[in-house]
């Protein structure tokens, strides 16, 4: 009976942690963040536009560097 209780407790704890992490992964949030926190549309738009701007800036810098390398050769 004691083994059954420990096993059941382990399953319940594993289920709760898996649900917590799964919700955070689905919302593209850090694993240990609060899964009940909802990000407003405006905040999400600001975050995504900032990430997009950073990626495009890096791509532009890379392209410029490649053009300079071609001109130097």
N, C-alpha and C. Protein backbone atom coordinates (compact mmCIF):
# COMPACT_ATOMS: atom_id res chain seq x y z
N UNK A 1 0.82 -1.19 0.00
CA UNK A 1 0.00 0.00 0.00
C UNK A 1 0.87 1.26 0.00
N UNK A 2 2.00 1.19 0.72
CA UNK A 2 2.89 2.34 0.79
C UNK A 2 3.53 2.61 -0.57
N UNK A 3 3.88 1.58 -1.30
CA UNK A 3 4.48 1.72 -2.62
C UNK A 3 3.47 2.34 -3.58
N UNK A 4 2.20 1.92 -3.45
CA UNK A 4 1.15 2.47 -4.31
C UNK A 4 0.98 3.97 -4.06
N UNK A 5 1.01 4.41 -2.81
CA UNK A 5 0.88 5.83 -2.49
C UNK A 5 2.04 6.64 -3.08
N UNK A 6 3.24 6.12 -2.95
CA UNK A 6 4.42 6.81 -3.47
C UNK A 6 4.33 6.89 -4.99
N UNK A 7 3.94 5.81 -5.62
CA UNK A 7 3.79 5.79 -7.07
C UNK A 7 2.72 6.77 -7.52
N UNK A 8 1.59 6.78 -6.86
CA UNK A 8 0.50 7.69 -7.19
C UNK A 8 0.92 9.15 -6.99
N UNK A 9 1.62 9.44 -5.92
CA UNK A 9 2.11 10.79 -5.65
C UNK A 9 3.10 11.22 -6.74
N UNK A 10 3.97 10.32 -7.16
CA UNK A 10 4.92 10.62 -8.23
C UNK A 10 4.23 10.91 -9.54
N UNK A 11 3.20 10.16 -9.85
CA UNK A 11 2.45 10.36 -11.09
C UNK A 11 1.74 11.72 -11.06
N UNK A 12 1.13 12.05 -9.93
CA UNK A 12 0.41 13.32 -9.81
C UNK A 12 1.39 14.50 -9.93
N UNK A 13 2.52 14.42 -9.24
CA UNK A 13 3.51 15.50 -9.31
C UNK A 13 4.07 15.61 -10.72
N UNK A 14 4.36 14.50 -11.35
CA UNK A 14 4.86 14.52 -12.73
C UNK A 14 3.84 15.09 -13.70
N UNK A 15 2.58 14.78 -13.50
CA UNK A 15 1.52 15.30 -14.35
C UNK A 15 1.41 16.82 -14.20
N UNK A 16 1.45 17.30 -12.98
CA UNK A 16 1.35 18.75 -12.74
C UNK A 16 2.55 19.50 -13.32
N UNK A 17 3.75 18.97 -13.12
CA UNK A 17 4.94 19.63 -13.68
C UNK A 17 4.93 19.58 -15.20
N UNK A 18 4.52 18.46 -15.76
CA UNK A 18 4.44 18.34 -17.22
C UNK A 18 3.43 19.31 -17.81
N UNK A 19 2.31 19.48 -17.13
CA UNK A 19 1.30 20.43 -17.59
C UNK A 19 1.84 21.85 -17.53
N UNK A 20 2.52 22.17 -16.42
CA UNK A 20 3.11 23.51 -16.24
C UNK A 20 4.09 23.81 -17.37
N UNK A 21 5.03 22.88 -17.59
CA UNK A 21 6.05 23.10 -18.62
C UNK A 21 5.43 23.10 -20.01
N UNK A 22 4.45 22.25 -20.24
CA UNK A 22 3.81 22.17 -21.56
C UNK A 22 3.09 23.45 -21.92
N UNK A 23 2.41 24.05 -20.96
CA UNK A 23 1.71 25.31 -21.22
C UNK A 23 2.72 26.40 -21.55
N UNK A 24 3.83 26.45 -20.79
CA UNK A 24 4.84 27.46 -21.05
C UNK A 24 5.52 27.26 -22.40
N UNK A 25 5.76 26.03 -22.79
CA UNK A 25 6.35 25.76 -24.09
C UNK A 25 5.38 26.17 -25.19
N UNK A 26 4.12 25.88 -25.02
CA UNK A 26 3.11 26.23 -26.02
C UNK A 26 2.96 27.73 -26.19
N UNK A 27 3.16 28.48 -25.13
CA UNK A 27 3.06 29.94 -25.20
C UNK A 27 4.38 30.61 -25.50
N UNK A 28 5.41 29.83 -25.75
CA UNK A 28 6.76 30.32 -26.04
C UNK A 28 7.27 31.23 -24.93
N UNK A 29 7.14 30.76 -23.69
CA UNK A 29 7.60 31.48 -22.51
C UNK A 29 8.67 30.64 -21.83
N UNK A 30 9.47 31.24 -20.92
CA UNK A 30 10.46 30.45 -20.18
C UNK A 30 9.77 29.33 -19.38
N UNK A 31 10.45 28.20 -19.22
CA UNK A 31 9.83 27.03 -18.59
C UNK A 31 9.31 27.30 -17.18
N UNK A 32 10.05 28.04 -16.38
CA UNK A 32 9.68 28.21 -14.99
C UNK A 32 8.83 29.44 -14.73
N UNK A 33 8.31 30.08 -15.77
CA UNK A 33 7.47 31.26 -15.58
C UNK A 33 6.05 30.82 -15.20
N UNK A 34 5.25 31.78 -14.80
CA UNK A 34 3.88 31.51 -14.38
C UNK A 34 3.03 31.17 -15.60
N UNK A 35 2.45 29.96 -15.65
CA UNK A 35 1.66 29.59 -16.83
C UNK A 35 0.32 30.30 -16.89
N UNK A 36 -0.12 30.93 -15.80
CA UNK A 36 -1.40 31.62 -15.78
C UNK A 36 -1.29 33.07 -16.19
N UNK A 37 -0.06 33.56 -16.37
CA UNK A 37 0.16 34.95 -16.81
C UNK A 37 -0.14 35.04 -18.30
N UNK A 38 -1.03 35.95 -18.65
CA UNK A 38 -1.34 36.14 -20.06
C UNK A 38 -0.68 37.42 -20.53
N UNK A 39 0.03 37.30 -21.62
CA UNK A 39 0.71 38.45 -22.21
C UNK A 39 -0.29 39.18 -23.11
N UNK A 40 -0.39 40.48 -22.92
CA UNK A 40 -1.34 41.24 -23.75
C UNK A 40 -0.87 41.25 -25.20
N UNK A 41 -1.79 41.52 -26.08
CA UNK A 41 -1.47 41.54 -27.50
C UNK A 41 -0.44 42.63 -27.80
N UNK A 42 -0.58 43.78 -27.15
CA UNK A 42 0.36 44.88 -27.38
C UNK A 42 1.77 44.49 -26.93
N UNK A 43 1.89 43.83 -25.76
CA UNK A 43 3.20 43.41 -25.28
C UNK A 43 3.82 42.37 -26.20
N UNK A 44 3.01 41.43 -26.67
CA UNK A 44 3.51 40.40 -27.57
C UNK A 44 3.96 41.02 -28.89
N UNK A 45 3.21 42.00 -29.39
CA UNK A 45 3.57 42.67 -30.63
C UNK A 45 4.89 43.43 -30.47
N UNK A 46 5.07 44.09 -29.33
CA UNK A 46 6.32 44.81 -29.07
C UNK A 46 7.50 43.84 -29.02
N UNK A 47 7.30 42.72 -28.33
CA UNK A 47 8.38 41.73 -28.20
C UNK A 47 8.75 41.15 -29.56
N UNK A 48 7.74 40.77 -30.34
CA UNK A 48 8.01 40.15 -31.64
C UNK A 48 8.61 41.15 -32.63
N UNK A 49 8.16 42.38 -32.59
CA UNK A 49 8.72 43.37 -33.52
C UNK A 49 10.16 43.69 -33.15
N UNK A 50 10.47 43.72 -31.86
CA UNK A 50 11.85 43.94 -31.44
C UNK A 50 12.76 42.81 -31.89
N UNK A 51 12.29 41.57 -31.73
CA UNK A 51 13.08 40.42 -32.16
C UNK A 51 13.30 40.44 -33.67
N UNK A 52 12.26 40.78 -34.41
CA UNK A 52 12.37 40.84 -35.87
C UNK A 52 13.35 41.92 -36.30
N UNK A 53 13.29 43.07 -35.63
CA UNK A 53 14.20 44.16 -35.95
C UNK A 53 15.66 43.77 -35.68
N UNK A 54 15.89 43.07 -34.56
CA UNK A 54 17.24 42.62 -34.25
C UNK A 54 17.75 41.62 -35.28
N UNK A 55 16.92 40.67 -35.68
CA UNK A 55 17.33 39.68 -36.67
C UNK A 55 17.63 40.32 -38.02
N UNK A 56 16.79 41.27 -38.42
CA UNK A 56 17.03 41.92 -39.71
C UNK A 56 18.30 42.78 -39.65
N UNK A 57 18.57 43.38 -38.51
CA UNK A 57 19.80 44.16 -38.37
C UNK A 57 21.03 43.28 -38.48
N UNK A 58 20.98 42.11 -37.83
CA UNK A 58 22.12 41.18 -37.92
C UNK A 58 22.31 40.70 -39.36
N UNK A 59 21.21 40.42 -40.05
CA UNK A 59 21.32 39.96 -41.44
C UNK A 59 21.90 41.07 -42.33
N UNK A 60 21.50 42.30 -42.09
CA UNK A 60 22.02 43.42 -42.86
C UNK A 60 23.51 43.61 -42.61
N UNK A 61 23.93 43.50 -41.35
CA UNK A 61 25.35 43.61 -41.03
C UNK A 61 26.16 42.49 -41.70
N UNK A 62 25.62 41.29 -41.68
CA UNK A 62 26.30 40.16 -42.30
C UNK A 62 26.45 40.37 -43.81
N UNK A 63 25.39 40.84 -44.44
CA UNK A 63 25.44 41.09 -45.88
C UNK A 63 26.44 42.19 -46.20
N UNK A 64 26.45 43.24 -45.40
CA UNK A 64 27.41 44.32 -45.61
C UNK A 64 28.84 43.84 -45.46
N UNK A 65 29.08 42.99 -44.48
CA UNK A 65 30.42 42.44 -44.26
C UNK A 65 30.84 41.57 -45.44
N UNK A 66 29.92 40.76 -45.96
CA UNK A 66 30.24 39.92 -47.11
C UNK A 66 30.55 40.77 -48.34
N UNK A 67 29.83 41.87 -48.53
CA UNK A 67 30.11 42.76 -49.66
C UNK A 67 31.47 43.42 -49.51
N UNK A 68 31.82 43.81 -48.30
CA UNK A 68 33.14 44.39 -48.09
C UNK A 68 34.23 43.38 -48.35
N UNK A 69 34.02 42.14 -47.94
CA UNK A 69 35.00 41.09 -48.18
C UNK A 69 35.19 40.85 -49.68
N UNK A 70 34.10 40.89 -50.45
CA UNK A 70 34.18 40.69 -51.89
C UNK A 70 34.93 41.84 -52.56
N UNK A 71 34.70 43.05 -52.07
CA UNK A 71 35.39 44.21 -52.66
C UNK A 71 36.88 44.20 -52.34
N UNK A 72 37.26 43.70 -51.20
CA UNK A 72 38.66 43.66 -50.80
C UNK A 72 39.44 42.59 -51.57
N UNK A 73 38.77 41.62 -52.13
CA UNK A 73 39.46 40.54 -52.84
C UNK A 73 39.80 40.90 -54.22
